[in-house]
Protein backbone atom coordinates (compact mmCIF):
# COMPACT_ATOMS: atom_id res chain seq x y z
CA MET A 1 46.95 -129.78 -43.26
CA ARG A 2 43.49 -128.39 -43.42
CA ARG A 3 43.24 -127.77 -40.12
CA LEU A 4 46.32 -125.75 -39.84
CA LEU A 5 45.06 -123.52 -42.50
CA MET A 6 41.62 -122.99 -40.71
CA ALA A 7 43.58 -122.00 -37.49
CA CYS A 8 45.89 -120.00 -39.33
CA LEU A 9 42.95 -118.09 -40.67
CA ALA A 10 41.23 -117.89 -37.25
CA LEU A 11 44.16 -116.71 -35.30
CA SER A 12 44.71 -113.92 -38.21
CA VAL A 13 41.10 -112.95 -38.27
CA PHE A 14 40.99 -112.73 -33.88
CA THR A 15 44.04 -110.69 -33.59
CA ARG A 16 43.62 -107.78 -35.68
CA LEU A 17 44.45 -104.45 -34.30
CA GLY A 18 41.55 -102.64 -33.50
CA ALA A 19 42.96 -99.67 -31.64
CA ALA A 20 46.27 -97.44 -32.22
CA SER A 21 47.15 -97.84 -28.35
CA VAL A 22 49.11 -101.23 -27.36
CA GLN A 23 47.74 -102.80 -24.34
CA ASP A 24 50.43 -105.63 -23.02
CA PRO A 25 48.71 -108.35 -21.41
CA VAL A 26 51.63 -109.30 -19.27
CA LYS A 27 50.94 -106.08 -17.52
CA LEU A 28 47.11 -106.00 -17.59
CA ASP A 29 46.61 -109.83 -16.86
CA PRO A 30 49.68 -111.22 -15.11
CA LYS A 31 47.59 -113.54 -13.93
CA HIS A 32 47.52 -115.58 -17.54
CA TYR A 33 50.53 -114.20 -19.13
CA LYS A 34 54.30 -114.81 -17.98
CA VAL A 35 57.31 -113.67 -19.86
CA GLU A 36 59.77 -116.73 -19.88
CA PHE A 37 62.53 -114.93 -22.20
CA GLU A 38 63.20 -111.97 -23.59
CA ASN A 39 65.90 -110.08 -25.68
CA ASP A 40 65.95 -107.40 -28.23
CA GLN A 41 64.36 -109.49 -31.01
CA VAL A 42 61.81 -111.97 -29.00
CA ARG A 43 59.81 -111.77 -26.52
CA VAL A 44 58.37 -115.49 -25.48
CA LEU A 45 55.00 -115.76 -23.11
CA ARG A 46 53.85 -118.60 -21.33
CA ILE A 47 49.91 -118.49 -21.37
CA ASN A 48 47.72 -120.19 -18.89
CA TYR A 49 43.97 -119.99 -18.26
CA GLY A 50 41.78 -122.36 -16.01
CA PRO A 51 38.82 -123.42 -16.92
CA HIS A 52 36.47 -120.74 -17.42
CA GLU A 53 38.83 -118.34 -17.30
CA LYS A 54 38.20 -114.48 -19.09
CA SER A 55 41.26 -112.12 -19.60
CA VAL A 56 40.70 -108.30 -20.49
CA MET A 57 41.06 -106.66 -24.37
CA HIS A 58 44.77 -106.81 -24.92
CA ASP A 59 47.29 -106.46 -28.04
CA HIS A 60 50.08 -108.39 -29.28
CA PRO A 61 52.63 -107.94 -32.28
CA PRO A 62 53.33 -110.28 -35.02
CA ASN A 63 53.83 -113.61 -33.22
CA VAL A 64 53.83 -117.71 -33.47
CA ALA A 65 51.72 -119.35 -31.09
CA ILE A 66 52.87 -122.83 -29.93
CA PHE A 67 49.66 -125.16 -28.17
CA VAL A 68 50.88 -126.66 -25.45
CA THR A 69 47.50 -128.31 -24.39
CA ASP A 70 44.50 -129.18 -26.50
CA GLY A 71 42.07 -125.78 -25.66
CA GLN A 72 38.47 -124.30 -26.01
CA ALA A 73 38.66 -120.61 -26.28
CA ARG A 74 36.44 -117.61 -27.66
CA PHE A 75 38.03 -114.23 -28.55
CA THR A 76 36.39 -111.24 -28.94
CA LEU A 77 37.48 -108.61 -31.42
CA HIS A 78 37.67 -105.21 -30.91
CA ASP A 79 34.62 -104.64 -32.88
CA GLY A 80 32.73 -107.15 -30.78
CA THR A 81 32.58 -109.89 -33.02
CA THR A 82 33.93 -113.22 -31.75
CA VAL A 83 35.82 -116.46 -33.11
CA THR A 84 36.45 -120.03 -31.73
CA PRO A 85 39.61 -121.19 -33.37
CA PRO A 86 40.57 -124.77 -33.06
CA MET A 87 43.65 -125.29 -30.16
CA LYS A 88 45.53 -128.79 -30.79
CA ALA A 89 48.34 -129.63 -28.83
CA GLY A 90 51.60 -129.48 -31.11
CA MET A 91 49.93 -126.95 -33.33
CA ALA A 92 52.01 -124.07 -34.16
CA VAL A 93 50.82 -121.04 -35.86
CA TRP A 94 51.71 -117.67 -37.20
CA ASP A 95 49.75 -114.67 -36.42
CA PRO A 96 50.13 -111.03 -37.86
CA GLY A 97 49.54 -109.44 -34.60
CA GLY A 98 46.65 -107.35 -32.98
CA GLN A 99 43.65 -106.82 -30.71
CA HIS A 100 41.66 -109.50 -28.71
CA LEU A 101 40.01 -110.89 -25.62
CA PRO A 102 40.48 -114.34 -24.70
CA GLU A 103 37.99 -116.66 -22.85
CA ASN A 104 38.65 -120.57 -21.75
CA THR A 105 35.61 -121.89 -22.65
CA GLY A 106 36.24 -125.17 -21.52
CA ASP A 107 36.20 -127.00 -18.53
CA LYS A 108 40.23 -127.99 -18.70
CA PRO A 109 42.89 -125.48 -18.53
CA PHE A 110 44.70 -124.84 -21.47
CA GLU A 111 48.62 -123.56 -22.08
CA VAL A 112 50.44 -121.79 -25.32
CA ILE A 113 53.76 -120.47 -25.82
CA LEU A 114 53.81 -117.38 -27.58
CA VAL A 115 56.77 -115.99 -29.20
CA GLU A 116 56.39 -112.11 -30.14
CA LEU A 117 58.40 -110.53 -32.58
CA LYS A 118 59.71 -107.47 -31.48
CA THR A 119 59.48 -105.62 -35.24
CA LYS A 120 60.31 -101.77 -35.41
CA ALA A 121 56.46 -100.94 -34.92
CA ALA A 122 56.36 -103.26 -31.72
CA LYS A 123 58.94 -101.10 -30.72
CA THR A 124 56.94 -98.17 -30.46
CA LYS A 125 55.21 -99.38 -27.45
């Protein structure tokens, strides 16, 4: 339970919005982000990072992350600070959304399923 709370706090911290513009990871970084399903209420992304791969700064609306594999990552926030949240297979974590730049700092690939909620704020993209 303590790990889950720490993961929720870490994910909340690393995804706070830092810019008014929305930067869609699927458009900016299709190598790592793939849309698995989408309708008017949710968009489900499959996220894969190979060892030591890095993305670009991008945004997510409110979401639930489900970690498919264990992973090691560093998330750089819009203000330059970094966080390294725990990523354990089977964890599901709520996140209010925001901006970050992820990097796989481990020697193994990791996979995450991200369920993005389409709220009124998210539809203003």
